[in-house]
Amino acid sequence: SWGVDFIKVDDISRPYHKAEIEGYAKAIKHCGRKIVLSLSPGATPLSEASHVIKYANMWRLADDFWDNWNALKAMFPLAAEWAPYAGYGHWPNLDMIPIGKLSLQGPVGPERYSHFTEAEKRTLITLWCITRSPLILGGNLPDNSSGDLALETNREVLEVDQRGIDSRQLYNKDGAVVWVSRMPEKKIWNVAFFNLEDSALVVGLPFAELGMRGEVSVRDLWKRKNLGNFKRQYQQRVPPHGSAMLCLKE
């Protein structure tokens, strides 16, 4: 036995090679070992959703993703349309996280630190976690800055990715985007605010959207800080290209 736990098959999702995917899944099933099957690159056709969730564990939604704001913005509609198909054992994959030192030896552009701003880095990880995407770091870890390491190791934010359920986009309007997911415990919600515009926006959420009628406590997961108790709604100013990750408890 080679002790393999993860198989990534490239050039198989677009065009979508149905018979080959079934072949890989069958081989894994009969090898006597649990192995994650990852399909790459995208865009995996949404029309094949019922097939891919049956035969693969994760699949790409787009072509290779790099440190470009327009590419990050393009992930929002893809994540929204694939959200209903995420579940235990089958996960839409938004691709690697291009944060830190990238392109060593120059495979894609010059060797560099990520072009994302600090706000954009946080937005990237917030989106990946609220949508429950697999988290695969694309930077060279020995060259990580302390700030990047803090982004990648915030336990409260990572818990949203690992334990959240029923993730979905509530709205995307005029550059303001709100996503939610639930925790297995009753009356605990994860809420992500995003600002896709080039100037600051006030983004908010009426608690009735989540069936919350009483007083609600709000915690900022990035800051690891309780913000207080609120009635009816919560809103806050979000910087350009920025985000917030919140935990709401009734």
C-alpha atoms as a PDB file:
ATOM      1  CA  SER A   1       0.000   0.000   0.000  1.00  0.00           C
ATOM      2  CA  TRP A   2       1.246   3.495  -0.875  1.00  0.00           C
ATOM      3  CA  GLY A   3      -0.762   5.142   1.903  1.00  0.00           C
ATOM      4  CA  VAL A   4      -2.445   7.601  -0.474  1.00  0.00           C
ATOM      5  CA  ASP A   5      -5.182   9.781   1.071  1.00  0.00           C
ATOM      6  CA  PHE A   6      -5.847  12.334  -1.680  1.00  0.00           C
ATOM      7  CA  ILE A   7      -6.063  12.070  -5.465  1.00  0.00           C
ATOM      8  CA  LYS A   8      -6.388  15.176  -7.615  1.00  0.00           C
ATOM      9  CA  VAL A   9      -7.297  14.520 -11.244  1.00  0.00           C
ATOM     10  CA  ASP A  10      -6.495  17.394 -13.593  1.00  0.00           C
ATOM     11  CA  ASP A  11      -8.116  18.293 -16.934  1.00  0.00           C
ATOM     12  CA  ILE A  12     -11.265  16.315 -16.195  1.00  0.00           C
ATOM     13  CA  SER A  13     -13.999  18.794 -15.226  1.00  0.00           C
ATOM     14  CA  ARG A  14     -14.139  20.897 -18.399  1.00  0.00           C
ATOM     15  CA  PRO A  15     -15.098  19.271 -20.623  1.00  0.00           C
ATOM     16  CA  TYR A  16     -16.747  16.991 -18.094  1.00  0.00           C
ATOM     17  CA  HIS A  17     -15.447  13.424 -18.521  1.00  0.00           C
ATOM     18  CA  LYS A  18     -18.252  11.477 -16.881  1.00  0.00           C
ATOM     19  CA  ALA A  19     -16.998   7.953 -17.625  1.00  0.00           C
ATOM     20  CA  GLU A  20     -13.467   8.718 -16.410  1.00  0.00           C
ATOM     21  CA  ILE A  21     -14.777  10.215 -13.174  1.00  0.00           C
ATOM     22  CA  GLU A  22     -16.864   7.122 -12.542  1.00  0.00           C
ATOM     23  CA  GLY A  23     -13.789   4.995 -13.254  1.00  0.00           C
ATOM     24  CA  TYR A  24     -11.670   6.792 -10.665  1.00  0.00           C
ATOM     25  CA  ALA A  25     -14.481   6.555  -8.105  1.00  0.00           C
ATOM     26  CA  LYS A  26     -14.885   2.823  -8.762  1.00  0.00           C
ATOM     27  CA  ALA A  27     -11.155   2.180  -8.425  1.00  0.00           C
ATOM     28  CA  ILE A  28     -11.038   4.057  -5.113  1.00  0.00           C
ATOM     29  CA  LYS A  29     -14.066   2.157  -3.827  1.00  0.00           C
ATOM     30  CA  HIS A  30     -12.338  -1.167  -4.481  1.00  0.00           C
ATOM     31  CA  CYS A  31      -8.863  -0.263  -3.231  1.00  0.00           C
ATOM     32  CA  GLY A  32      -9.690  -0.883   0.419  1.00  0.00           C
ATOM     33  CA  ARG A  33      -8.764   2.616   1.578  1.00  0.00           C
ATOM     34  CA  LYS A  34     -10.698   5.858   2.015  1.00  0.00           C
ATOM     35  CA  ILE A  35      -9.295   8.392  -0.467  1.00  0.00           C
ATOM     36  CA  VAL A  36     -10.504  11.906  -1.281  1.00  0.00           C
ATOM     37  CA  LEU A  37     -11.163  12.394  -5.012  1.00  0.00           C
ATOM     38  CA  SER A  38     -10.642  15.973  -6.213  1.00  0.00           C
ATOM     39  CA  LEU A  39     -11.537  17.107  -9.747  1.00  0.00           C
ATOM     40  CA  SER A  40      -9.795  19.995 -11.477  1.00  0.00           C
ATOM     41  CA  PRO A  41      -9.949  22.514 -12.984  1.00  0.00           C
ATOM     42  CA  GLY A  42     -13.367  24.161 -13.534  1.00  0.00           C
ATOM     43  CA  ALA A  43     -15.743  25.285 -14.462  1.00  0.00           C
ATOM     44  CA  THR A  44     -17.528  22.064 -13.563  1.00  0.00           C
ATOM     45  CA  PRO A  45     -20.912  22.253 -15.360  1.00  0.00           C
ATOM     46  CA  LEU A  46     -23.758  22.950 -12.963  1.00  0.00           C
ATOM     47  CA  SER A  47     -25.845  20.600 -15.103  1.00  0.00           C
ATOM     48  CA  GLU A  48     -23.641  17.748 -13.814  1.00  0.00           C
ATOM     49  CA  ALA A  49     -24.197  18.583 -10.133  1.00  0.00           C
ATOM     50  CA  SER A  50     -26.112  15.394  -9.316  1.00  0.00           C
ATOM     51  CA  HIS A  51     -23.378  13.315 -10.950  1.00  0.00           C
ATOM     52  CA  VAL A  52     -20.380  15.037  -9.395  1.00  0.00           C
ATOM     53  CA  ILE A  53     -21.735  14.884  -5.828  1.00  0.00           C
ATOM     54  CA  LYS A  54     -22.198  11.125  -6.283  1.00  0.00           C
ATOM     55  CA  TYR A  55     -18.737  10.317  -7.613  1.00  0.00           C
ATOM     56  CA  ALA A  56     -16.334  13.023  -6.346  1.00  0.00           C
ATOM     57  CA  ASN A  57     -15.524  14.564  -2.973  1.00  0.00           C
ATOM     58  CA  MET A  58     -14.542  18.012  -4.253  1.00  0.00           C
ATOM     59  CA  TRP A  59     -14.552  19.781  -7.595  1.00  0.00           C
ATOM     60  CA  ARG A  60     -13.404  23.114  -8.929  1.00  0.00           C
ATOM     61  CA  LEU A  61     -15.855  25.858  -9.876  1.00  0.00           C
ATOM     62  CA  ALA A  62     -13.510  27.907 -12.062  1.00  0.00           C
ATOM     63  CA  ASP A  63     -10.153  27.909 -13.793  1.00  0.00           C
ATOM     64  CA  ASP A  64      -6.988  28.483 -11.762  1.00  0.00           C
ATOM     65  CA  PHE A  65      -7.518  31.234  -9.202  1.00  0.00           C
ATOM     66  CA  TRP A  66      -4.793  33.765  -8.459  1.00  0.00           C
ATOM     67  CA  ASP A  67      -4.294  37.006  -6.518  1.00  0.00           C
ATOM     68  CA  ASN A  68      -6.556  39.295  -8.526  1.00  0.00           C
ATOM     69  CA  TRP A  69      -9.544  41.210  -7.146  1.00  0.00           C
ATOM     70  CA  ASN A  70     -11.713  40.715 -10.243  1.00  0.00           C
ATOM     71  CA  ALA A  71     -11.097  36.969 -10.040  1.00  0.00           C
ATOM     72  CA  LEU A  72     -12.178  37.017  -6.393  1.00  0.00           C
ATOM     73  CA  LYS A  73     -15.357  38.960  -7.223  1.00  0.00           C
ATOM     74  CA  ALA A  74     -16.168  36.373  -9.893  1.00  0.00           C
ATOM     75  CA  MET A  75     -16.225  33.640  -7.230  1.00  0.00           C
ATOM     76  CA  PHE A  76     -19.303  35.089  -5.512  1.00  0.00           C
ATOM     77  CA  PRO A  77     -21.941  34.073  -8.102  1.00  0.00           C
ATOM     78  CA  LEU A  78     -20.254  30.691  -8.588  1.00  0.00           C
ATOM     79  CA  ALA A  79     -20.336  29.996  -4.859  1.00  0.00           C
ATOM     80  CA  ALA A  80     -24.002  31.011  -4.676  1.00  0.00           C
ATOM     81  CA  GLU A  81     -25.186  28.719  -7.467  1.00  0.00           C
ATOM     82  CA  TRP A  82     -23.254  25.726  -6.107  1.00  0.00           C
ATOM     83  CA  ALA A  83     -24.211  26.232  -2.433  1.00  0.00           C
ATOM     84  CA  PRO A  84     -27.181  23.793  -2.521  1.00  0.00           C
ATOM     85  CA  TYR A  85     -24.836  20.963  -3.534  1.00  0.00           C
ATOM     86  CA  ALA A  86     -22.352  21.265  -0.661  1.00  0.00           C
ATOM     87  CA  GLY A  87     -22.594  18.596   2.006  1.00  0.00           C
ATOM     88  CA  TYR A  88     -20.727  15.971   3.956  1.00  0.00           C
ATOM     89  CA  GLY A  89     -18.384  14.161   1.586  1.00  0.00           C
ATOM     90  CA  HIS A  90     -18.965  16.413  -1.442  1.00  0.00           C
ATOM     91  CA  TRP A  91     -17.727  19.993  -1.524  1.00  0.00           C
ATOM     92  CA  PRO A  92     -17.618  22.696  -4.217  1.00  0.00           C
ATOM     93  CA  ASN A  93     -14.000  23.893  -4.270  1.00  0.00           C
ATOM     94  CA  LEU A  94     -13.244  27.593  -4.785  1.00  0.00           C
ATOM     95  CA  ASP A  95      -9.574  26.660  -5.389  1.00  0.00           C
ATOM     96  CA  MET A  96      -6.380  27.340  -3.483  1.00  0.00           C
ATOM     97  CA  ILE A  97      -5.846  30.374  -1.256  1.00  0.00           C
ATOM     98  CA  PRO A  98      -3.189  32.561  -2.960  1.00  0.00           C
ATOM     99  CA  ILE A  99      -1.947  34.344   0.150  1.00  0.00           C
ATOM    100  CA  GLY A 100       1.708  34.658   1.134  1.00  0.00           C
ATOM    101  CA  LYS A 101       4.754  34.053  -1.085  1.00  0.00           C
ATOM    102  CA  LEU A 102       3.532  32.917  -4.511  1.00  0.00           C
ATOM    103  CA  SER A 103       4.907  31.636  -7.803  1.00  0.00           C
ATOM    104  CA  LEU A 104       8.238  30.354  -6.539  1.00  0.00           C
ATOM    105  CA  GLN A 105      10.440  29.697  -9.590  1.00  0.00           C
ATOM    106  CA  GLY A 106       7.926  31.647 -11.675  1.00  0.00           C
ATOM    107  CA  PRO A 107       5.179  29.232 -12.816  1.00  0.00           C
ATOM    108  CA  VAL A 108       2.555  32.029 -12.934  1.00  0.00           C
ATOM    109  CA  GLY A 109       4.127  35.471 -13.120  1.00  0.00           C
ATOM    110  CA  PRO A 110       7.156  36.599 -11.121  1.00  0.00           C
ATOM    111  CA  GLU A 111       7.867  35.360  -7.619  1.00  0.00           C
ATOM    112  CA  ARG A 112       5.946  37.705  -5.328  1.00  0.00           C
ATOM    113  CA  TYR A 113       3.901  38.206  -2.227  1.00  0.00           C
ATOM    114  CA  SER A 114       0.166  38.120  -2.878  1.00  0.00           C
ATOM    115  CA  HIS A 115      -1.211  41.164  -4.685  1.00  0.00           C
ATOM    116  CA  PHE A 116      -4.332  41.062  -2.504  1.00  0.00           C
ATOM    117  CA  THR A 117      -4.739  43.911  -0.027  1.00  0.00           C
ATOM    118  CA  GLU A 118      -5.238  43.064   3.643  1.00  0.00           C
ATOM    119  CA  ALA A 119      -8.991  43.658   3.264  1.00  0.00           C
ATOM    120  CA  GLU A 120      -9.134  41.411   0.191  1.00  0.00           C
ATOM    121  CA  LYS A 121      -7.248  38.613   1.959  1.00  0.00           C
ATOM    122  CA  ARG A 122      -9.786  38.656   4.767  1.00  0.00           C
ATOM    123  CA  THR A 123     -12.641  38.724   2.247  1.00  0.00           C
ATOM    124  CA  LEU A 124     -11.185  35.687   0.481  1.00  0.00           C
ATOM    125  CA  ILE A 125     -10.925  33.596   3.641  1.00  0.00           C
ATOM    126  CA  THR A 126     -14.324  34.786   4.862  1.00  0.00           C
ATOM    127  CA  LEU A 127     -15.965  33.679   1.600  1.00  0.00           C
ATOM    128  CA  TRP A 128     -14.150  30.327   1.555  1.00  0.00           C
ATOM    129  CA  CYS A 129     -15.178  29.627   5.163  1.00  0.00           C
ATOM    130  CA  ILE A 130     -18.826  30.733   5.019  1.00  0.00           C
ATOM    131  CA  THR A 131     -19.311  28.660   1.838  1.00  0.00           C
ATOM    132  CA  ARG A 132     -17.505  25.663   3.422  1.00  0.00           C
ATOM    133  CA  SER A 133     -15.004  25.394   0.602  1.00  0.00           C
ATOM    134  CA  PRO A 134     -11.977  23.135   1.108  1.00  0.00           C
ATOM    135  CA  LEU A 135      -9.083  25.224   2.450  1.00  0.00           C
ATOM    136  CA  ILE A 136      -5.824  24.687   0.556  1.00  0.00           C
ATOM    137  CA  LEU A 137      -3.045  27.213   1.075  1.00  0.00           C
ATOM    138  CA  GLY A 138      -1.204  28.260  -2.077  1.00  0.00           C
ATOM    139  CA  GLY A 139       1.599  30.309  -0.515  1.00  0.00           C
ATOM    140  CA  ASN A 140       5.022  29.094   0.609  1.00  0.00           C
ATOM    141  CA  LEU A 141       4.485  28.632   4.347  1.00  0.00           C
ATOM    142  CA  PRO A 142       8.094  29.297   5.511  1.00  0.00           C
ATOM    143  CA  ASP A 143       7.774  32.786   3.969  1.00  0.00           C
ATOM    144  CA  ASN A 144       4.457  33.582   5.681  1.00  0.00           C
ATOM    145  CA  SER A 145       4.138  36.955   7.371  1.00  0.00           C
ATOM    146  CA  SER A 146       2.756  37.080  10.906  1.00  0.00           C
ATOM    147  CA  GLY A 147      -0.371  38.762   9.518  1.00  0.00           C
ATOM    148  CA  ASP A 148      -0.965  36.020   6.964  1.00  0.00           C
ATOM    149  CA  LEU A 149      -0.443  33.355   9.606  1.00  0.00           C
ATOM    150  CA  ALA A 150      -3.014  35.046  11.841  1.00  0.00           C
ATOM    151  CA  LEU A 151      -5.546  35.078   8.986  1.00  0.00           C
ATOM    152  CA  GLU A 152      -4.983  31.403   8.261  1.00  0.00           C
ATOM    153  CA  THR A 153      -5.168  30.208  11.876  1.00  0.00           C
ATOM    154  CA  ASN A 154      -8.113  32.099  13.403  1.00  0.00           C
ATOM    155  CA  ARG A 155      -9.905  29.199  15.097  1.00  0.00           C
ATOM    156  CA  GLU A 156     -13.278  30.929  15.340  1.00  0.00           C
ATOM    157  CA  VAL A 157     -13.333  31.674  11.605  1.00  0.00           C
ATOM    158  CA  LEU A 158     -12.066  28.204  10.668  1.00  0.00           C
ATOM    159  CA  GLU A 159     -14.815  26.646  12.778  1.00  0.00           C
ATOM    160  CA  VAL A 160     -17.377  28.221  10.433  1.00  0.00           C
ATOM    161  CA  ASP A 161     -15.811  26.311   7.536  1.00  0.00           C
ATOM    162  CA  GLN A 162     -15.503  23.052   9.457  1.00  0.00           C
ATOM    163  CA  ARG A 163     -18.822  22.977  11.341  1.00  0.00           C
ATOM    164  CA  GLY A 164     -21.226  25.283   9.507  1.00  0.00           C
ATOM    165  CA  ILE A 165     -24.252  23.784   7.757  1.00  0.00           C
ATOM    166  CA  ASP A 166     -26.897  25.038   5.300  1.00  0.00           C
ATOM    167  CA  SER A 167     -24.647  27.749   3.894  1.00  0.00           C
ATOM    168  CA  ARG A 168     -26.362  30.131   1.494  1.00  0.00           C
ATOM    169  CA  GLN A 169     -26.313  33.647   0.104  1.00  0.00           C
ATOM    170  CA  LEU A 170     -29.114  35.825   1.485  1.00  0.00           C
ATOM    171  CA  TYR A 171     -28.648  38.695  -0.924  1.00  0.00           C
ATOM    172  CA  ASN A 172     -26.268  40.369  -3.353  1.00  0.00           C
ATOM    173  CA  LYS A 173     -27.366  43.906  -4.160  1.00  0.00           C
ATOM    174  CA  ASP A 174     -25.495  47.059  -5.159  1.00  0.00           C
ATOM    175  CA  GLY A 175     -22.173  45.603  -4.059  1.00  0.00           C
ATOM    176  CA  ALA A 176     -23.385  44.494  -0.621  1.00  0.00           C
ATOM    177  CA  VAL A 177     -23.436  40.725  -0.116  1.00  0.00           C
ATOM    178  CA  VAL A 178     -24.641  38.710   2.886  1.00  0.00           C
ATOM    179  CA  TRP A 179     -24.075  34.987   3.432  1.00  0.00           C
ATOM    180  CA  VAL A 180     -25.261  32.853   6.350  1.00  0.00           C
ATOM    181  CA  SER A 181     -24.790  29.349   7.704  1.00  0.00           C
ATOM    182  CA  ARG A 182     -25.967  27.584  10.851  1.00  0.00           C
ATOM    183  CA  MET A 183     -24.064  25.800  13.557  1.00  0.00           C
ATOM    184  CA  PRO A 184     -25.346  22.376  14.645  1.00  0.00           C
ATOM    185  CA  GLU A 185     -26.314  23.932  17.979  1.00  0.00           C
ATOM    186  CA  LYS A 186     -29.749  25.556  17.938  1.00  0.00           C
ATOM    187  CA  LYS A 187     -30.119  29.295  17.365  1.00  0.00           C
ATOM    188  CA  ILE A 188     -26.470  29.930  16.470  1.00  0.00           C
ATOM    189  CA  TRP A 189     -25.876  31.531  13.077  1.00  0.00           C
ATOM    190  CA  ASN A 190     -22.747  32.517  11.193  1.00  0.00           C
ATOM    191  CA  VAL A 191     -23.155  35.686   9.142  1.00  0.00           C
ATOM    192  CA  ALA A 192     -20.709  37.128   6.611  1.00  0.00           C
ATOM    193  CA  PHE A 193     -20.939  40.691   5.292  1.00  0.00           C
ATOM    194  CA  PHE A 194     -19.095  41.638   2.094  1.00  0.00           C
ATOM    195  CA  ASN A 195     -18.503  44.911   0.279  1.00  0.00           C
ATOM    196  CA  LEU A 196     -17.588  44.385  -3.380  1.00  0.00           C
ATOM    197  CA  GLU A 197     -17.481  48.107  -4.134  1.00  0.00           C
ATOM    198  CA  ASP A 198     -14.550  50.538  -4.239  1.00  0.00           C
ATOM    199  CA  SER A 199     -15.963  52.702  -1.432  1.00  0.00           C
ATOM    200  CA  ALA A 200     -17.258  51.898   2.046  1.00  0.00           C
ATOM    201  CA  LEU A 201     -20.796  50.534   2.485  1.00  0.00           C
ATOM    202  CA  VAL A 202     -23.115  49.940   5.414  1.00  0.00           C
ATOM    203  CA  VAL A 203     -24.178  46.292   5.290  1.00  0.00           C
ATOM    204  CA  GLY A 204     -26.884  44.905   7.550  1.00  0.00           C
ATOM    205  CA  LEU A 205     -29.197  42.022   8.349  1.00  0.00           C
ATOM    206  CA  PRO A 206     -32.716  42.058   9.856  1.00  0.00           C
ATOM    207  CA  PHE A 207     -32.812  39.251  12.424  1.00  0.00           C
ATOM    208  CA  ALA A 208     -36.253  38.185  11.188  1.00  0.00           C
ATOM    209  CA  GLU A 209     -34.501  36.828   8.068  1.00  0.00           C
ATOM    210  CA  LEU A 210     -33.092  34.120  10.348  1.00  0.00           C
ATOM    211  CA  GLY A 211     -36.258  33.626  12.378  1.00  0.00           C
ATOM    212  CA  MET A 212     -34.793  35.494  15.355  1.00  0.00           C
ATOM    213  CA  ARG A 213     -37.390  37.524  17.254  1.00  0.00           C
ATOM    214  CA  GLY A 214     -35.743  38.364  20.561  1.00  0.00           C
ATOM    215  CA  GLU A 215     -32.522  40.028  21.627  1.00  0.00           C
ATOM    216  CA  VAL A 216     -29.496  38.763  19.702  1.00  0.00           C
ATOM    217  CA  SER A 217     -25.861  38.764  20.811  1.00  0.00           C
ATOM    218  CA  VAL A 218     -23.328  39.529  18.077  1.00  0.00           C
ATOM    219  CA  ARG A 219     -19.675  38.484  18.123  1.00  0.00           C
ATOM    220  CA  ASP A 220     -16.999  39.559  15.631  1.00  0.00           C
ATOM    221  CA  LEU A 221     -15.093  36.360  14.825  1.00  0.00           C
ATOM    222  CA  TRP A 222     -12.132  38.062  13.158  1.00  0.00           C
ATOM    223  CA  LYS A 223     -11.607  40.379  16.118  1.00  0.00           C
ATOM    224  CA  ARG A 224     -12.668  37.685  18.617  1.00  0.00           C
ATOM    225  CA  LYS A 225     -14.745  40.337  20.333  1.00  0.00           C
ATOM    226  CA  ASN A 226     -18.334  40.500  21.587  1.00  0.00           C
ATOM    227  CA  LEU A 227     -20.080  43.511  20.049  1.00  0.00           C
ATOM    228  CA  GLY A 228     -23.136  43.517  22.311  1.00  0.00           C
ATOM    229  CA  ASN A 229     -26.832  42.649  22.212  1.00  0.00           C
ATOM    230  CA  PHE A 230     -29.106  43.991  19.492  1.00  0.00           C
ATOM    231  CA  LYS A 231     -32.807  44.021  18.649  1.00  0.00           C
ATOM    232  CA  ARG A 232     -34.394  43.631  15.215  1.00  0.00           C
ATOM    233  CA  GLN A 233     -31.198  44.040  13.159  1.00  0.00           C
ATOM    234  CA  TYR A 234     -27.449  44.496  13.059  1.00  0.00           C
ATOM    235  CA  GLN A 235     -25.507  46.591  10.570  1.00  0.00           C
ATOM    236  CA  GLN A 236     -21.971  47.907  10.255  1.00  0.00           C
ATOM    237  CA  ARG A 237     -19.700  49.862   7.965  1.00  0.00           C
ATOM    238  CA  VAL A 238     -17.616  47.570   5.762  1.00  0.00           C
ATOM    239  CA  PRO A 239     -14.514  48.972   4.017  1.00  0.00           C
ATOM    240  CA  PRO A 240     -13.964  48.727   0.243  1.00  0.00           C
ATOM    241  CA  HIS A 241     -13.353  45.118  -0.847  1.00  0.00           C
ATOM    242  CA  GLY A 242     -13.785  44.205   2.819  1.00  0.00           C
ATOM    243  CA  SER A 243     -15.812  41.803   4.924  1.00  0.00           C
ATOM    244  CA  ALA A 244     -16.953  40.842   8.399  1.00  0.00           C
ATOM    245  CA  MET A 245     -17.576  37.428   9.946  1.00  0.00           C
ATOM    246  CA  LEU A 246     -20.083  37.358  12.786  1.00  0.00           C
ATOM    247  CA  CYS A 247     -21.667  34.859  15.151  1.00  0.00           C
ATOM    248  CA  LEU A 248     -25.287  35.532  16.161  1.00  0.00           C
ATOM    249  CA  LYS A 249     -26.915  33.884  19.177  1.00  0.00           C
ATOM    250  CA  GLU A 250     -30.479  34.371  20.389  1.00  0.00           C
END
